[in-house]
Amino acid sequence: MTSTLQPATTTEAVKRPGRWLALSVLVLAVLLVAVDATVLGLATPYISEDLKPSGTQLLWIGDVYSFVIAGLLVSMGSLGDRIGRKRILLVGATAFGAVSVLNAYATTPELMIFARALLGVAGATLMPATLALIRNLFHDPRERSLAVGIWGATASAGTAIGPIAGGFLLEHFWWGSVFLINLPVMAVLVLVGIKLLPESRNPNPGPWDMASVLLSLVGVIALVYAVKEAATHGFTWEILAVGLLGAAALYGFVRRQLTLPSPLLDMRLFRNRGFSAAVLADLLTILGLSGLVFFLSQYLQLVQGRPPLEAGLAELPAAIGAVAAGLIAGRTARRFSVRSVVAGGLAAVGLALAALTVLDQSTGYPLLGAALLVVGIGAGFSFTVTADVILSSVPKDQAGAASAVSETAYELGAALGIALLGTIVTGVYRDFTGPTGTPAGAHESLGGAVEAAAAMPAQKSEALLDAARQAFVDGLALAAGLGAAVLLATAVAAWFMLRGQRLENAA
């Protein structure tokens, strides 16, 4: 089956004045969400020292934000289609800024967990709304491809700016400052967005089905929670029960959508091969990359001894590559083909991850920097083109729900990747043999080994750190190899599933 996308009508092809200024408002929201997703990792040691959370509470501080976002993305995307994407974006941005203050001044672990959950609710309104508004701002397909490229490039830049900005702030201010940087950005977004953003919605939306919202929320959160807990603690009956609850809720969600006259998510979207292939490619790509992304900062700081700011700068080539590739991805896909650009990008990422299997404690930066640059270029091509395919494959009235599906695939891929590849890294790491008297906590994490070594005699401390670091690097190399296999397999699947798919040309 060949997917042939219809050209825009004459009315749709009219170019909206001020659309590029409006895009600048949308990318502010994307930038903020991307920065916030990466900056917490650097602040975690300081939060732990100040608030003194238990191990379980610390995990919830880190995880609850992504749990809530993943559970609410589809619901919020559909809500934006119904009440207006501009409205939900501006309300969500205002809430994001206000809740950031609560995060910055949290005084107990419980309050911090609650504040992070509220931040997830607000964050779930932003990403689907921004991509859906791009679908409605840019009717010319070539302009839309460039706009999607800028959107994706900004998200990539945000992941690099997060560690750099966070490292700078943490070296000069207290940990709450990493949340307060949200305020001026959100203020500009809301004030300028009121003037520049057009409103768009589904003209015949139907009611917002709360039963579907609850099934989606319970299903995604329970499934992600079960995967992460199983990776951390192994399978137990409780974790299995939670996983089955999530699977049952998602099954009920799908069945309900197929029977509702106005579903929260139109499951017929998945009949479009291009849409389904793009969503699957995004999910598997993030799954394969998550092991590298999650553990790279620890490698740079705890294995190679780089300070936070330097570690953040070391990851910059990935963002530079993603930004450059994202800006030309649409043009490249039209010149060659969608499947060649997506499959080629994924294959490049897979080969770069394969090169990282030779990492050791003293690996020089040229190899690491080059691999990160290739990862960024490949991911920039792939993610930009798949986002364009997803938007082009659905009616613009359903752009919010379709964008939310894409973002949910991203969140699920990240959760599964960190859980599955993280289990491998942790499993390899825990088996290292330390010197006599090594505390049990040193086998839980590399950070625990560093802390334990500080209290040991110099000779034993050095032996412990060397053994722990080598075990961590061995686990990271194995995870990189498995990630490479996932990416290369996804590249092959994309080559076949995206056969005949092409981007629209200008009307």
Protein backbone atom coordinates (compact mmCIF):
# COMPACT_ATOMS: atom_id res chain seq x y z
CA MET A 1 0.00 0.00 0.00
CA THR A 2 1.42 3.39 -0.99
CA SER A 3 0.53 6.40 1.09
CA THR A 4 -0.30 9.37 -1.12
CA LEU A 5 -0.89 12.54 0.81
CA GLN A 6 -3.29 15.04 -0.67
CA PRO A 7 -1.99 18.53 -1.49
CA ALA A 8 -3.32 21.44 0.52
CA THR A 9 -6.37 23.24 -0.78
CA THR A 10 -6.12 26.77 -2.08
CA THR A 11 -7.65 28.13 1.11
CA GLU A 12 -5.25 26.19 3.30
CA ALA A 13 -2.28 27.25 1.20
CA VAL A 14 -2.74 30.91 2.17
CA LYS A 15 0.28 31.81 4.27
CA ARG A 16 -0.66 33.24 7.64
CA PRO A 17 1.06 36.55 8.46
CA GLY A 18 3.23 36.40 11.55
CA ARG A 19 3.49 32.61 11.47
CA TRP A 20 7.26 32.62 12.00
CA LEU A 21 6.95 34.91 15.02
CA ALA A 22 4.25 32.62 16.35
CA LEU A 23 6.62 29.67 15.87
CA SER A 24 9.19 31.44 18.04
CA VAL A 25 6.64 31.40 20.88
CA LEU A 26 6.00 27.69 20.42
CA VAL A 27 9.67 26.77 20.49
CA LEU A 28 10.02 28.59 23.82
CA ALA A 29 7.63 26.05 25.32
CA VAL A 30 9.52 23.15 23.73
CA LEU A 31 12.83 24.54 24.96
CA LEU A 32 11.55 24.81 28.50
CA VAL A 33 10.17 21.28 28.67
CA ALA A 34 13.40 19.86 27.22
CA VAL A 35 15.56 21.82 29.67
CA ASP A 36 13.41 20.80 32.64
CA ALA A 37 13.61 17.12 31.67
CA THR A 38 17.43 17.15 31.81
CA VAL A 39 18.32 19.63 34.51
CA LEU A 40 16.94 17.64 37.46
CA GLY A 41 19.61 14.94 37.13
CA LEU A 42 22.35 17.41 38.00
CA ALA A 43 20.36 18.87 40.89
CA THR A 44 19.46 15.50 42.44
CA PRO A 45 22.55 15.24 44.71
CA TYR A 46 21.86 18.71 46.14
CA ILE A 47 18.14 17.98 46.63
CA SER A 48 19.07 14.73 48.35
CA GLU A 49 21.46 16.50 50.72
CA ASP A 50 18.96 19.25 51.58
CA LEU A 51 15.63 17.42 51.80
CA LYS A 52 17.07 14.04 52.89
CA PRO A 53 14.55 11.84 51.04
CA SER A 54 14.59 8.08 51.41
CA GLY A 55 15.76 6.00 48.46
CA THR A 56 12.17 5.38 47.38
CA GLN A 57 11.25 9.05 47.72
CA LEU A 58 14.27 10.05 45.64
CA LEU A 59 13.16 7.69 42.87
CA TRP A 60 9.66 9.22 42.94
CA ILE A 61 11.13 12.74 42.75
CA GLY A 62 12.92 11.70 39.59
CA ASP A 63 10.17 9.56 38.04
CA VAL A 64 6.79 11.08 38.90
CA TYR A 65 7.19 13.93 36.38
CA SER A 66 7.63 11.53 33.45
CA PHE A 67 4.94 9.17 34.81
CA VAL A 68 2.30 11.91 34.85
CA ILE A 69 3.33 13.36 31.48
CA ALA A 70 3.18 9.92 29.84
CA GLY A 71 -0.22 9.21 31.36
CA LEU A 72 -1.81 12.51 30.36
CA LEU A 73 -0.35 13.29 26.93
CA VAL A 74 -3.14 11.67 24.90
CA SER A 75 -5.85 13.15 27.13
CA MET A 76 -4.37 16.67 26.98
CA GLY A 77 -3.80 16.46 23.24
CA SER A 78 -7.43 15.52 22.76
CA LEU A 79 -8.57 18.23 25.17
CA GLY A 80 -6.66 20.80 23.13
CA ASP A 81 -8.43 19.61 19.98
CA ARG A 82 -11.72 20.25 21.79
CA ILE A 83 -11.29 23.49 23.76
CA GLY A 84 -8.57 25.11 21.64
CA ARG A 85 -4.84 24.47 21.38
CA LYS A 86 -3.86 28.07 22.06
CA ARG A 87 -6.00 28.13 25.20
CA ILE A 88 -4.60 24.91 26.63
CA LEU A 89 -1.03 25.95 25.78
CA LEU A 90 -1.32 29.31 27.55
CA VAL A 91 -3.10 27.84 30.58
CA GLY A 92 -0.52 25.06 30.78
CA ALA A 93 2.38 27.50 30.44
CA THR A 94 1.02 29.67 33.24
CA ALA A 95 0.59 26.62 35.46
CA PHE A 96 4.08 25.39 34.57
CA GLY A 97 5.61 28.66 35.74
CA ALA A 98 3.59 28.78 38.96
CA VAL A 99 4.33 25.17 39.88
CA SER A 100 8.02 25.71 39.17
CA VAL A 101 8.07 28.07 42.15
CA LEU A 102 6.58 25.33 44.32
CA ASN A 103 9.33 22.97 43.12
CA ALA A 104 12.05 25.51 43.88
CA TYR A 105 10.90 26.12 47.45
CA ALA A 106 9.80 22.60 48.42
CA THR A 107 10.82 21.91 52.03
CA THR A 108 10.00 18.20 52.34
CA PRO A 109 10.37 15.16 50.07
CA GLU A 110 6.59 14.70 50.03
CA LEU A 111 6.03 18.28 48.87
CA MET A 112 8.71 17.87 46.21
CA ILE A 113 7.05 14.72 44.84
CA PHE A 114 3.67 16.48 44.77
CA ALA A 115 5.18 19.52 43.04
CA ARG A 116 6.88 17.36 40.41
CA ALA A 117 3.58 15.59 39.72
CA LEU A 118 1.81 18.93 39.21
CA LEU A 119 4.64 20.00 36.90
CA GLY A 120 3.97 16.84 34.87
CA VAL A 121 0.29 17.78 34.54
CA ALA A 122 1.25 21.20 33.20
CA GLY A 123 3.98 19.78 30.98
CA ALA A 124 1.54 17.34 29.37
CA THR A 125 -0.38 20.30 27.89
CA LEU A 126 2.62 21.85 26.17
CA MET A 127 4.23 19.43 23.70
CA PRO A 128 1.09 18.17 21.88
CA ALA A 129 -0.28 21.72 21.66
CA THR A 130 2.92 23.12 20.14
CA LEU A 131 3.13 20.49 17.39
CA ALA A 132 -0.60 20.71 16.67
CA LEU A 133 -0.42 24.49 16.34
CA ILE A 134 2.43 24.12 13.86
CA ARG A 135 0.13 21.90 11.78
CA ASN A 136 -2.42 24.72 11.72
CA LEU A 137 0.00 27.63 11.32
CA PHE A 138 1.87 26.24 8.32
CA HIS A 139 -0.34 25.00 5.50
CA ASP A 140 2.47 25.01 2.94
CA PRO A 141 4.06 21.55 3.32
CA ARG A 142 7.64 22.74 2.72
CA GLU A 143 7.29 25.51 5.26
CA ARG A 144 5.75 23.06 7.70
CA SER A 145 8.71 20.71 7.30
CA LEU A 146 11.08 23.56 8.12
CA ALA A 147 8.92 24.58 11.09
CA VAL A 148 8.90 20.99 12.39
CA GLY A 149 12.67 20.93 11.91
CA ILE A 150 13.06 24.08 14.00
CA TRP A 151 10.71 22.60 16.61
CA GLY A 152 12.76 19.41 16.81
CA ALA A 153 16.06 21.29 16.75
CA THR A 154 14.91 23.38 19.69
CA ALA A 155 14.01 20.27 21.66
CA SER A 156 17.46 18.85 20.92
CA ALA A 157 19.13 22.12 21.87
CA GLY A 158 17.16 22.11 25.12
CA THR A 159 18.55 18.73 26.12
CA ALA A 160 22.05 20.19 25.75
CA ILE A 161 21.28 23.56 27.33
CA GLY A 162 19.74 21.82 30.38
CA PRO A 163 22.98 20.28 31.70
CA ILE A 164 25.01 23.38 30.81
CA ALA A 165 22.60 25.84 32.41
CA GLY A 166 22.05 23.51 35.34
CA GLY A 167 25.77 23.07 35.89
CA PHE A 168 26.31 26.84 35.86
CA LEU A 169 23.42 27.55 38.24
CA LEU A 170 24.41 24.80 40.67
CA GLU A 171 27.96 26.11 40.84
CA HIS A 172 26.71 29.61 41.76
CA PHE A 173 23.26 29.28 43.37
CA TRP A 174 21.11 26.84 45.37
CA TRP A 175 19.33 23.92 43.72
CA GLY A 176 15.96 25.71 43.48
CA SER A 177 17.42 28.05 40.87
CA VAL A 178 17.16 25.30 38.22
CA PHE A 179 13.37 25.58 38.51
CA LEU A 180 13.13 29.37 38.76
CA ILE A 181 14.69 29.79 35.30
CA ASN A 182 11.30 28.65 33.99
CA LEU A 183 9.57 31.84 35.12
CA PRO A 184 10.94 34.47 32.70
CA VAL A 185 10.59 32.08 29.75
CA MET A 186 6.98 31.28 30.59
CA ALA A 187 6.17 34.95 31.14
CA VAL A 188 7.42 35.81 27.63
CA LEU A 189 5.61 32.81 26.16
CA VAL A 190 2.24 33.77 27.66
CA LEU A 191 2.43 37.51 26.98
CA VAL A 192 3.63 37.16 23.39
CA GLY A 193 1.51 34.07 22.71
CA ILE A 194 -1.70 35.91 23.56
CA LYS A 195 -0.96 38.32 20.71
CA LEU A 196 0.61 36.07 18.08
CA LEU A 197 -0.85 32.58 18.34
CA PRO A 198 -4.05 31.80 16.42
CA GLU A 199 -6.70 29.64 18.05
CA SER A 200 -7.51 26.31 16.44
CA ARG A 201 -9.71 23.40 17.46
CA ASN A 202 -11.78 20.56 16.11
CA PRO A 203 -15.09 22.15 14.93
CA ASN A 204 -17.07 19.01 15.85
CA PRO A 205 -15.19 17.57 18.82
CA GLY A 206 -17.85 15.71 20.76
CA PRO A 207 -17.65 15.32 24.54
CA TRP A 208 -14.41 14.73 26.45
CA ASP A 209 -14.90 11.21 27.80
CA MET A 210 -13.64 11.05 31.40
CA ALA A 211 -13.73 7.25 31.48
CA SER A 212 -11.27 7.22 28.59
CA VAL A 213 -9.08 9.77 30.38
CA LEU A 214 -8.94 7.57 33.49
CA LEU A 215 -8.25 4.40 31.51
CA SER A 216 -5.43 6.11 29.62
CA LEU A 217 -3.93 7.59 32.78
CA VAL A 218 -4.10 4.36 34.80
CA GLY A 219 -2.90 2.22 31.91
CA VAL A 220 0.19 4.20 30.95
CA ILE A 221 1.28 5.07 34.50
CA ALA A 222 0.81 1.50 35.78
CA LEU A 223 2.67 0.00 32.83
CA VAL A 224 5.59 2.43 33.03
CA TYR A 225 5.77 2.02 36.81
CA ALA A 226 5.79 -1.77 36.56
CA VAL A 227 8.58 -1.78 33.97
CA LYS A 228 10.76 0.60 36.03
CA GLU A 229 10.15 -1.24 39.30
CA ALA A 230 10.85 -4.62 37.70
CA ALA A 231 14.11 -3.25 36.35
CA THR A 232 15.12 -1.92 39.76
CA HIS A 233 13.88 -4.64 42.11
CA GLY A 234 13.14 -7.64 39.89
CA PHE A 235 9.74 -9.21 39.26
CA THR A 236 7.44 -9.60 42.23
CA TRP A 237 3.75 -10.48 42.43
CA GLU A 238 2.93 -6.87 43.30
CA ILE A 239 4.79 -5.50 40.29
CA LEU A 240 3.23 -8.12 38.03
CA ALA A 241 -0.22 -7.17 39.32
CA VAL A 242 0.43 -3.49 38.59
CA GLY A 243 1.65 -4.36 35.08
CA LEU A 244 -1.43 -6.46 34.39
CA LEU A 245 -3.64 -3.66 35.69
CA GLY A 246 -1.97 -1.26 33.26
CA ALA A 247 -2.32 -3.67 30.33
CA ALA A 248 -5.99 -4.28 31.16
CA ALA A 249 -6.67 -0.53 31.41
CA LEU A 250 -5.02 0.12 28.03
CA TYR A 251 -7.00 -2.73 26.47
CA GLY A 252 -10.17 -1.21 27.88
CA PHE A 253 -9.11 2.19 26.54
CA VAL A 254 -8.66 0.84 23.01
CA ARG A 255 -11.96 -1.05 23.10
CA ARG A 256 -13.78 2.04 24.35
CA GLN A 257 -12.28 4.25 21.62
CA LEU A 258 -13.53 1.84 18.97
CA THR A 259 -17.12 2.14 20.24
CA LEU A 260 -17.39 5.86 21.02
CA PRO A 261 -18.86 8.15 18.33
CA SER A 262 -16.33 10.87 19.35
CA PRO A 263 -13.32 9.00 20.79
CA LEU A 264 -10.53 10.58 22.79
CA LEU A 265 -8.13 9.01 20.28
CA ASP A 266 -9.31 7.83 16.87
CA MET A 267 -7.74 4.37 16.62
CA ARG A 268 -8.26 4.43 12.86
CA LEU A 269 -5.20 6.68 12.67
CA PHE A 270 -3.10 3.54 13.09
CA ARG A 271 -4.50 2.11 9.86
CA ASN A 272 -2.27 4.61 8.07
CA ARG A 273 0.97 2.71 7.58
CA GLY A 274 3.08 5.87 7.56
CA PHE A 275 1.61 7.06 10.87
CA SER A 276 2.09 3.67 12.57
CA ALA A 277 5.61 3.24 11.20
CA ALA A 278 6.66 6.71 12.34
CA VAL A 279 5.29 6.17 15.86
CA LEU A 280 6.95 2.76 16.15
CA ALA A 281 10.26 4.14 14.87
CA ASP A 282 10.19 6.90 17.48
CA LEU A 283 9.43 4.47 20.30
CA LEU A 284 12.19 2.00 19.39
CA THR A 285 14.73 4.73 18.68
CA ILE A 286 14.27 6.29 22.10
CA LEU A 287 14.34 2.83 23.68
CA GLY A 288 17.71 2.10 22.07
CA LEU A 289 19.16 5.52 22.95
CA SER A 290 17.93 5.72 26.53
CA GLY A 291 20.72 3.63 28.03
CA LEU A 292 23.35 5.98 26.60
CA VAL A 293 21.48 9.16 27.50
CA PHE A 294 20.69 8.05 31.06
CA PHE A 295 24.17 6.82 31.99
CA LEU A 296 26.40 9.14 29.95
CA SER A 297 26.38 11.95 32.53
CA GLN A 298 27.45 9.47 35.23
CA TYR A 299 30.27 8.24 32.98
CA LEU A 300 31.53 11.74 32.33
CA GLN A 301 31.34 12.87 35.97
CA LEU A 302 31.94 9.78 38.10
CA VAL A 303 34.25 7.79 35.80
CA GLN A 304 36.19 10.53 34.03
CA GLY A 305 35.94 13.06 36.86
CA ARG A 306 34.51 16.00 34.91
CA PRO A 307 32.65 18.75 36.84
CA PRO A 308 28.94 19.25 36.02
CA LEU A 309 29.43 22.17 33.62
CA GLU A 310 32.20 20.43 31.70
CA ALA A 311 30.13 17.25 31.52
CA GLY A 312 27.24 19.25 30.08
CA LEU A 313 29.52 20.84 27.47
CA ALA A 314 30.92 17.42 26.56
CA GLU A 315 27.44 16.33 25.45
CA LEU A 316 27.02 19.36 23.17
CA PRO A 317 27.97 17.65 19.85
CA ALA A 318 24.77 15.58 19.96
CA ALA A 319 22.65 18.72 20.14
CA ILE A 320 24.67 20.48 17.42
CA GLY A 321 24.23 17.51 15.09
CA ALA A 322 20.51 17.25 15.83
CA VAL A 323 19.93 20.96 15.22
CA ALA A 324 21.81 20.95 11.91
CA ALA A 325 20.10 17.79 10.65
CA GLY A 326 16.65 18.88 11.79
CA LEU A 327 16.81 22.08 9.75
CA ILE A 328 17.49 20.26 6.46
CA ALA A 329 15.65 16.99 7.11
CA GLY A 330 12.45 17.91 5.25
CA ARG A 331 14.31 19.09 2.15
CA THR A 332 16.50 15.97 2.20
CA ALA A 333 13.49 13.65 2.51
CA ARG A 334 11.87 15.29 -0.53
CA ARG A 335 15.06 15.02 -2.58
CA PHE A 336 15.64 11.37 -1.75
CA SER A 337 12.80 9.65 0.12
CA VAL A 338 11.24 9.45 3.56
CA ARG A 339 12.37 5.90 4.14
CA SER A 340 15.98 6.54 3.06
CA VAL A 341 16.33 9.52 5.41
CA VAL A 342 14.66 7.83 8.39
CA ALA A 343 16.34 4.45 7.90
CA GLY A 344 19.68 6.08 7.14
CA GLY A 345 19.46 8.26 10.24
CA LEU A 346 18.61 5.31 12.45
CA ALA A 347 21.42 3.23 10.96
CA ALA A 348 23.88 6.06 11.65
CA VAL A 349 22.78 6.20 15.29
CA GLY A 350 23.12 2.42 15.55
CA LEU A 351 26.65 2.46 14.16
CA ALA A 352 27.64 5.31 16.52
CA LEU A 353 26.34 3.32 19.49
CA ALA A 354 28.27 0.29 18.24
CA ALA A 355 31.46 2.39 18.25
CA LEU A 356 30.83 3.21 21.93
CA THR A 357 31.15 -0.47 22.88
CA VAL A 358 34.93 0.10 23.02
CA LEU A 359 34.60 2.70 25.80
CA ASP A 360 36.92 2.37 28.77
CA GLN A 361 37.77 4.59 31.73
CA SER A 362 40.39 6.58 29.79
CA THR A 363 38.69 6.86 26.39
CA GLY A 364 39.67 10.16 24.81
CA TYR A 365 37.08 12.76 23.99
CA PRO A 366 37.58 12.70 20.17
CA LEU A 367 35.95 9.24 19.92
CA LEU A 368 33.14 10.12 22.32
CA GLY A 369 32.53 13.55 20.75
CA ALA A 370 32.48 12.12 17.21
CA ALA A 371 30.05 9.37 18.23
CA LEU A 372 27.75 11.89 19.91
CA LEU A 373 27.82 14.11 16.82
CA VAL A 374 26.77 11.18 14.62
CA VAL A 375 24.04 10.23 17.12
CA GLY A 376 22.72 13.80 16.97
CA ILE A 377 22.76 13.97 13.17
CA GLY A 378 21.04 10.61 12.76
CA ALA A 379 18.42 11.32 15.40
CA GLY A 380 17.81 14.82 14.01
CA PHE A 381 17.04 13.44 10.54
CA SER A 382 14.88 10.61 11.83
CA PHE A 383 12.81 12.42 14.47
CA THR A 384 12.14 15.45 12.30
CA VAL A 385 10.90 13.44 9.33
CA THR A 386 8.78 11.07 11.45
CA ALA A 387 7.15 14.08 13.18
CA ASP A 388 6.37 15.54 9.75
CA VAL A 389 4.92 12.22 8.59
CA ILE A 390 2.72 11.98 11.69
CA LEU A 391 1.34 15.50 11.22
CA SER A 392 0.82 15.04 7.49
CA SER A 393 -0.96 11.71 7.91
CA VAL A 394 -3.92 12.99 9.95
CA PRO A 395 -6.66 15.59 9.46
CA LYS A 396 -5.64 18.89 11.05
CA ASP A 397 -8.65 18.67 13.39
CA GLN A 398 -6.95 15.68 15.04
CA ALA A 399 -3.46 17.16 15.10
CA GLY A 400 -3.40 17.43 18.89
CA ALA A 401 -4.30 13.79 19.50
CA ALA A 402 -1.84 12.62 16.84
CA SER A 403 0.96 14.74 18.30
CA ALA A 404 0.18 13.32 21.72
CA VAL A 405 0.54 9.76 20.38
CA SER A 406 3.99 10.70 19.10
CA GLU A 407 5.01 12.19 22.45
CA THR A 408 3.57 9.21 24.36
CA ALA A 409 5.69 6.86 22.21
CA TYR A 410 8.70 8.96 23.19
CA GLU A 411 7.90 8.73 26.92
CA LEU A 412 7.18 5.00 26.77
CA GLY A 413 10.37 4.39 24.80
CA ALA A 414 12.38 6.31 27.37
CA ALA A 415 10.80 4.42 30.28
CA LEU A 416 11.30 1.02 28.64
CA GLY A 417 14.82 1.86 27.51
CA ILE A 418 15.98 3.09 30.91
CA ALA A 419 14.34 0.10 32.58
CA LEU A 420 15.63 -2.60 30.22
CA LEU A 421 19.08 -1.21 29.41
CA GLY A 422 19.41 0.18 32.92
CA THR A 423 18.88 -3.32 34.27
CA ILE A 424 21.79 -4.54 32.17
CA VAL A 425 24.13 -1.79 33.33
CA THR A 426 23.10 -2.28 36.96
CA GLY A 427 23.37 -6.08 36.71
CA VAL A 428 26.90 -5.95 35.33
CA TYR A 429 27.91 -3.27 37.82
CA ARG A 430 26.69 -5.14 40.91
CA ASP A 431 28.92 -8.13 40.18
CA PHE A 432 32.22 -6.30 40.60
CA THR A 433 34.64 -7.50 43.26
CA GLY A 434 35.83 -4.78 45.59
CA PRO A 435 38.51 -4.85 48.31
CA THR A 436 37.82 -6.39 51.68
CA GLY A 437 35.43 -4.29 53.74
CA THR A 438 33.57 -2.79 50.77
CA PRO A 439 30.14 -1.61 52.04
CA ALA A 440 27.05 -3.15 50.45
CA GLY A 441 25.90 0.28 49.29
CA ALA A 442 28.89 0.50 46.96
CA HIS A 443 27.31 -2.25 44.83
CA GLU A 444 24.02 -0.38 44.44
CA SER A 445 25.29 2.47 42.28
CA LEU A 446 28.49 4.12 41.15
CA GLY A 447 27.55 7.16 43.23
CA GLY A 448 27.31 4.87 46.26
CA ALA A 449 30.80 3.52 45.53
CA VAL A 450 32.24 7.04 45.31
CA GLU A 451 30.63 7.92 48.63
CA ALA A 452 31.87 4.72 50.27
CA ALA A 453 35.40 5.20 48.94
CA ALA A 454 35.63 8.62 50.60
CA ALA A 455 35.44 6.95 54.01
CA MET A 456 38.05 4.23 53.29
CA PRO A 457 41.86 4.22 53.53
CA ALA A 458 43.61 5.56 50.43
CA GLN A 459 44.77 2.21 49.02
CA LYS A 460 41.40 0.49 49.46
CA SER A 461 39.59 3.60 48.23
CA GLU A 462 41.56 3.57 44.98
CA ALA A 463 41.00 -0.17 44.49
CA LEU A 464 37.25 0.20 45.11
CA LEU A 465 36.88 3.10 42.69
CA ASP A 466 38.87 1.36 39.97
CA ALA A 467 36.81 -1.84 40.24
CA ALA A 468 33.48 0.02 40.43
CA ARG A 469 34.30 2.29 37.50
CA GLN A 470 35.45 -0.59 35.33
CA ALA A 471 32.26 -2.54 36.10
CA PHE A 472 30.14 0.50 35.26
CA VAL A 473 31.97 1.01 31.95
CA ASP A 474 31.55 -2.68 31.09
CA GLY A 475 27.81 -2.39 31.71
CA LEU A 476 27.59 0.82 29.69
CA ALA A 477 29.43 -0.78 26.76
CA LEU A 478 27.06 -3.75 26.80
CA ALA A 479 24.03 -1.44 26.90
CA ALA A 480 25.47 0.55 23.98
CA GLY A 481 25.86 -2.68 22.00
CA LEU A 482 22.28 -3.74 22.64
CA GLY A 483 21.07 -0.23 21.85
CA ALA A 484 22.97 -0.43 18.56
CA ALA A 485 21.22 -3.71 17.73
CA VAL A 486 17.81 -2.16 18.45
CA LEU A 487 18.58 0.89 16.28
CA LEU A 488 19.89 -1.15 13.35
CA ALA A 489 16.86 -3.47 13.50
CA THR A 490 14.57 -0.41 13.61
CA ALA A 491 16.36 1.02 10.58
CA VAL A 492 15.61 -2.16 8.61
CA ALA A 493 11.97 -2.13 9.74
CA ALA A 494 11.60 1.55 8.81
CA TRP A 495 13.00 0.87 5.33
CA PHE A 496 10.19 -1.58 4.64
CA MET A 497 7.33 0.03 6.61
CA LEU A 498 7.88 3.49 5.10
CA ARG A 499 8.03 2.21 1.52
CA GLY A 500 6.19 4.62 -0.75
CA GLN A 501 5.70 7.22 1.99
CA ARG A 502 6.52 10.76 0.94
CA LEU A 503 6.10 14.26 2.27
CA GLU A 504 3.69 16.68 0.65
CA ASN A 505 5.02 19.27 -1.76
CA ALA A 506 3.93 22.89 -1.79
CA ALA A 507 0.51 23.51 -3.28
